[in-house]
Amino acid sequence: MAESIQIHVNGEQRACRSDATVGDLLRELAIQTERVAVELNLEIMDRKDFDRQSLKPGDRVEILGFIGGGAPVDAQGLGRGVVYAD
């Protein structure tokens, strides 16, 4: 069995396996990779590297989720809360 290391995920300390990858962490957290961006030690990761990038003690992982939607649109097709100059 692999040893445990300490990392930080979204600002909170967390234990993970010493042989874990970023992809393993996302699966453990039940996070779908299609709708997230991951920052590892202040560097944005390419999604294709999630299963290649090993985690090391003290790594700082920030996981950002995307939420669909937007501002409501009025009858003229203009978003509310935005000032349009003529």
C-alpha atoms as a PDB file:
ATOM      1  CA  MET A   1       0.000   0.000   0.000  1.00  0.00           C
ATOM      2  CA  ALA A   2       1.286   3.455  -0.913  1.00  0.00           C
ATOM      3  CA  GLU A   3       2.262   5.904   1.794  1.00  0.00           C
ATOM      4  CA  SER A   4       0.206   9.013   2.413  1.00  0.00           C
ATOM      5  CA  ILE A   5       1.348  12.576   1.657  1.00  0.00           C
ATOM      6  CA  GLN A   6      -0.155  15.943   2.584  1.00  0.00           C
ATOM      7  CA  ILE A   7      -1.288  18.369  -0.105  1.00  0.00           C
ATOM      8  CA  HIS A   8      -3.566  21.422  -0.150  1.00  0.00           C
ATOM      9  CA  VAL A   9      -6.786  21.318  -2.168  1.00  0.00           C
ATOM     10  CA  ASN A  10      -8.673  24.601  -2.538  1.00  0.00           C
ATOM     11  CA  GLY A  11      -6.891  25.923   0.548  1.00  0.00           C
ATOM     12  CA  GLU A  12      -7.546  22.906   2.797  1.00  0.00           C
ATOM     13  CA  GLN A  13      -4.934  20.359   3.830  1.00  0.00           C
ATOM     14  CA  ARG A  14      -5.696  16.848   2.654  1.00  0.00           C
ATOM     15  CA  ALA A  15      -3.997  13.463   2.640  1.00  0.00           C
ATOM     16  CA  CYS A  16      -3.580  11.477  -0.559  1.00  0.00           C
ATOM     17  CA  ARG A  17      -1.594   8.454  -1.720  1.00  0.00           C
ATOM     18  CA  SER A  18       2.050   9.164  -2.424  1.00  0.00           C
ATOM     19  CA  ASP A  19       1.655   7.690  -5.923  1.00  0.00           C
ATOM     20  CA  ALA A  20      -1.517   9.669  -6.774  1.00  0.00           C
ATOM     21  CA  THR A  21      -1.887  11.822  -9.871  1.00  0.00           C
ATOM     22  CA  VAL A  22      -4.060  14.885 -10.311  1.00  0.00           C
ATOM     23  CA  GLY A  23      -6.494  12.639 -12.210  1.00  0.00           C
ATOM     24  CA  ASP A  24      -6.628  10.219  -9.245  1.00  0.00           C
ATOM     25  CA  LEU A  25      -7.426  13.131  -6.929  1.00  0.00           C
ATOM     26  CA  LEU A  26     -10.249  14.343  -9.173  1.00  0.00           C
ATOM     27  CA  ARG A  27     -11.742  10.840  -9.356  1.00  0.00           C
ATOM     28  CA  GLU A  28     -11.475  10.460  -5.574  1.00  0.00           C
ATOM     29  CA  LEU A  29     -13.383  13.741  -5.204  1.00  0.00           C
ATOM     30  CA  ALA A  30     -15.949  12.593  -7.832  1.00  0.00           C
ATOM     31  CA  ILE A  31     -15.162  15.595 -10.034  1.00  0.00           C
ATOM     32  CA  GLN A  32     -15.774  15.336 -13.783  1.00  0.00           C
ATOM     33  CA  THR A  33     -12.743  16.624 -15.646  1.00  0.00           C
ATOM     34  CA  GLU A  34     -14.761  18.033 -18.558  1.00  0.00           C
ATOM     35  CA  ARG A  35     -16.037  21.004 -16.546  1.00  0.00           C
ATOM     36  CA  VAL A  36     -13.085  22.003 -14.386  1.00  0.00           C
ATOM     37  CA  ALA A  37      -9.813  23.832 -14.612  1.00  0.00           C
ATOM     38  CA  VAL A  38      -6.987  22.738 -12.330  1.00  0.00           C
ATOM     39  CA  GLU A  39      -4.164  24.912 -11.086  1.00  0.00           C
ATOM     40  CA  LEU A  40      -1.172  23.080  -9.616  1.00  0.00           C
ATOM     41  CA  ASN A  41       1.273  25.269  -7.707  1.00  0.00           C
ATOM     42  CA  LEU A  42       0.045  28.426  -9.496  1.00  0.00           C
ATOM     43  CA  GLU A  43       0.241  26.841 -12.983  1.00  0.00           C
ATOM     44  CA  ILE A  44      -2.904  26.061 -15.000  1.00  0.00           C
ATOM     45  CA  MET A  45      -2.800  22.444 -16.154  1.00  0.00           C
ATOM     46  CA  ASP A  46      -3.743  21.051 -19.523  1.00  0.00           C
ATOM     47  CA  ARG A  47      -6.524  18.482 -19.085  1.00  0.00           C
ATOM     48  CA  LYS A  48      -4.484  15.841 -20.961  1.00  0.00           C
ATOM     49  CA  ASP A  49      -1.846  15.976 -18.203  1.00  0.00           C
ATOM     50  CA  PHE A  50      -4.184  15.174 -15.275  1.00  0.00           C
ATOM     51  CA  ASP A  51      -3.333  11.448 -15.333  1.00  0.00           C
ATOM     52  CA  ARG A  52       0.383  12.068 -15.979  1.00  0.00           C
ATOM     53  CA  GLN A  53       1.094  14.643 -13.263  1.00  0.00           C
ATOM     54  CA  SER A  54       2.087  13.068  -9.951  1.00  0.00           C
ATOM     55  CA  LEU A  55       1.294  14.878  -6.737  1.00  0.00           C
ATOM     56  CA  LYS A  56       4.126  15.699  -4.340  1.00  0.00           C
ATOM     57  CA  PRO A  57       4.079  16.600  -0.635  1.00  0.00           C
ATOM     58  CA  GLY A  58       3.044  20.210  -0.145  1.00  0.00           C
ATOM     59  CA  ASP A  59       1.524  20.623  -3.623  1.00  0.00           C
ATOM     60  CA  ARG A  60      -1.215  23.236  -3.838  1.00  0.00           C
ATOM     61  CA  VAL A  61      -4.139  22.250  -6.044  1.00  0.00           C
ATOM     62  CA  GLU A  62      -6.957  24.650  -6.906  1.00  0.00           C
ATOM     63  CA  ILE A  63      -9.977  23.138  -8.651  1.00  0.00           C
ATOM     64  CA  LEU A  64     -12.281  25.562 -10.434  1.00  0.00           C
ATOM     65  CA  GLY A  65     -15.674  24.423 -11.694  1.00  0.00           C
ATOM     66  CA  PHE A  66     -17.545  25.971 -14.607  1.00  0.00           C
ATOM     67  CA  ILE A  67     -21.193  26.901 -14.199  1.00  0.00           C
ATOM     68  CA  GLY A  68     -23.412  27.519 -17.212  1.00  0.00           C
ATOM     69  CA  GLY A  69     -25.801  30.389 -17.498  1.00  0.00           C
ATOM     70  CA  GLY A  70     -25.597  34.096 -17.888  1.00  0.00           C
ATOM     71  CA  ALA A  71     -27.421  37.352 -17.430  1.00  0.00           C
ATOM     72  CA  PRO A  72     -31.137  37.419 -18.231  1.00  0.00           C
ATOM     73  CA  VAL A  73     -31.910  38.974 -21.589  1.00  0.00           C
ATOM     74  CA  ASP A  74     -34.599  41.652 -22.025  1.00  0.00           C
ATOM     75  CA  ALA A  75     -36.915  42.050 -25.047  1.00  0.00           C
ATOM     76  CA  GLN A  76     -34.236  43.906 -27.024  1.00  0.00           C
ATOM     77  CA  GLY A  77     -31.693  41.145 -26.442  1.00  0.00           C
ATOM     78  CA  LEU A  78     -29.593  43.209 -24.054  1.00  0.00           C
ATOM     79  CA  GLY A  79     -28.372  41.740 -20.777  1.00  0.00           C
ATOM     80  CA  ARG A  80     -29.553  43.372 -17.565  1.00  0.00           C
ATOM     81  CA  GLY A  81     -27.050  45.111 -15.342  1.00  0.00           C
ATOM     82  CA  VAL A  82     -24.902  46.215 -18.258  1.00  0.00           C
ATOM     83  CA  VAL A  83     -24.799  49.799 -19.477  1.00  0.00           C
ATOM     84  CA  TYR A  84     -24.791  50.172 -23.243  1.00  0.00           C
ATOM     85  CA  ALA A  85     -23.713  53.513 -24.689  1.00  0.00           C
ATOM     86  CA  ASP A  86     -25.272  54.742 -27.916  1.00  0.00           C
END
